[in-house]
N, C-alpha and C. Protein backbone atom coordinates (compact mmCIF):
# COMPACT_ATOMS: atom_id res chain seq x y z
N UNK A 1 -8.87 -0.62 -26.33
CA UNK A 1 -7.40 -0.58 -26.37
C UNK A 1 -6.89 0.67 -25.66
N UNK A 2 -5.65 0.58 -25.19
CA UNK A 2 -5.03 1.74 -24.56
C UNK A 2 -4.58 2.73 -25.62
N UNK A 3 -4.61 4.00 -25.27
CA UNK A 3 -4.01 4.97 -26.18
C UNK A 3 -2.49 4.91 -26.01
N UNK A 4 -1.73 5.46 -26.94
CA UNK A 4 -0.27 5.31 -26.91
C UNK A 4 0.36 5.74 -25.58
N UNK A 5 -0.14 6.81 -24.98
CA UNK A 5 0.46 7.28 -23.72
C UNK A 5 0.24 6.26 -22.61
N UNK A 6 -0.99 5.72 -22.52
CA UNK A 6 -1.27 4.73 -21.49
C UNK A 6 -0.48 3.45 -21.74
N UNK A 7 -0.36 3.07 -23.01
CA UNK A 7 0.40 1.86 -23.33
C UNK A 7 1.86 2.05 -22.95
N UNK A 8 2.39 3.26 -23.19
CA UNK A 8 3.78 3.54 -22.83
C UNK A 8 3.96 3.46 -21.32
N UNK A 9 3.02 4.03 -20.56
CA UNK A 9 3.12 3.97 -19.10
C UNK A 9 3.02 2.53 -18.61
N UNK A 10 2.12 1.75 -19.19
CA UNK A 10 1.99 0.35 -18.78
C UNK A 10 3.27 -0.41 -19.11
N UNK A 11 3.88 -0.10 -20.23
CA UNK A 11 5.14 -0.76 -20.59
C UNK A 11 6.23 -0.44 -19.60
N UNK A 12 6.30 0.83 -19.16
CA UNK A 12 7.33 1.21 -18.19
C UNK A 12 7.10 0.49 -16.87
N UNK A 13 5.83 0.40 -16.45
CA UNK A 13 5.52 -0.27 -15.18
C UNK A 13 5.87 -1.75 -15.26
N UNK A 14 5.52 -2.40 -16.37
CA UNK A 14 5.81 -3.83 -16.48
C UNK A 14 7.31 -4.06 -16.58
N UNK A 15 8.03 -3.13 -17.24
CA UNK A 15 9.49 -3.25 -17.28
C UNK A 15 10.07 -3.12 -15.88
N UNK A 16 9.52 -2.17 -15.10
CA UNK A 16 10.02 -1.98 -13.73
C UNK A 16 9.80 -3.26 -12.92
N UNK A 17 8.59 -3.86 -13.00
CA UNK A 17 8.35 -5.09 -12.27
C UNK A 17 9.23 -6.22 -12.78
N UNK A 18 9.49 -6.23 -14.09
CA UNK A 18 10.37 -7.26 -14.64
C UNK A 18 11.76 -7.15 -14.05
N UNK A 19 12.29 -5.93 -13.97
CA UNK A 19 13.65 -5.75 -13.44
C UNK A 19 13.68 -6.07 -11.95
N UNK A 20 12.62 -5.70 -11.21
CA UNK A 20 12.62 -5.96 -9.77
C UNK A 20 12.42 -7.43 -9.47
N UNK A 21 11.87 -8.19 -10.42
CA UNK A 21 11.63 -9.61 -10.17
C UNK A 21 12.82 -10.47 -10.58
N UNK A 22 13.86 -9.83 -11.15
CA UNK A 22 15.05 -10.60 -11.50
C UNK A 22 15.74 -11.11 -10.24
N UNK A 23 16.39 -12.26 -10.33
CA UNK A 23 17.15 -12.76 -9.18
C UNK A 23 18.32 -11.84 -8.85
N UNK A 24 18.79 -11.84 -7.61
CA UNK A 24 19.80 -10.88 -7.17
C UNK A 24 21.07 -10.91 -8.01
N UNK A 25 21.47 -12.08 -8.49
CA UNK A 25 22.74 -12.13 -9.23
C UNK A 25 22.62 -11.44 -10.59
N UNK A 26 21.41 -11.13 -11.02
CA UNK A 26 21.26 -10.38 -12.26
C UNK A 26 21.32 -8.88 -12.01
N UNK A 27 21.18 -8.48 -10.74
CA UNK A 27 21.20 -7.05 -10.41
C UNK A 27 22.51 -6.70 -9.73
N UNK A 28 23.60 -6.79 -10.46
CA UNK A 28 24.88 -6.42 -9.88
C UNK A 28 25.01 -4.91 -9.86
N UNK A 29 25.78 -4.36 -8.91
CA UNK A 29 25.89 -2.90 -8.78
C UNK A 29 26.34 -2.24 -10.08
N UNK A 30 27.23 -2.88 -10.83
CA UNK A 30 27.70 -2.31 -12.09
C UNK A 30 26.91 -2.86 -13.28
N UNK A 31 25.77 -3.53 -12.98
CA UNK A 31 25.03 -4.15 -14.07
C UNK A 31 24.27 -3.16 -14.92
N UNK A 32 23.78 -2.08 -14.29
CA UNK A 32 23.01 -1.12 -15.06
C UNK A 32 22.63 0.07 -14.21
N UNK A 33 22.18 1.12 -14.86
CA UNK A 33 21.86 2.35 -14.13
C UNK A 33 20.46 2.29 -13.53
N UNK A 34 19.68 1.27 -13.85
CA UNK A 34 18.30 1.19 -13.35
C UNK A 34 18.25 0.52 -11.98
N UNK A 35 19.40 0.00 -11.51
CA UNK A 35 19.39 -0.75 -10.26
C UNK A 35 19.11 0.16 -9.07
N UNK A 36 19.76 1.33 -9.05
CA UNK A 36 19.64 2.22 -7.90
C UNK A 36 18.57 3.27 -8.14
N UNK A 37 17.74 3.50 -7.12
CA UNK A 37 16.71 4.54 -7.23
C UNK A 37 16.87 5.50 -6.06
């Protein structure tokens, strides 16, 4: 099993891929602060 730090990092990475895989209409400019990097 992953230790808590690795699990947290994996969660952040999977969340990032989840947000980037959303269709464009879900990523509106005013939709959230995670859209722009």
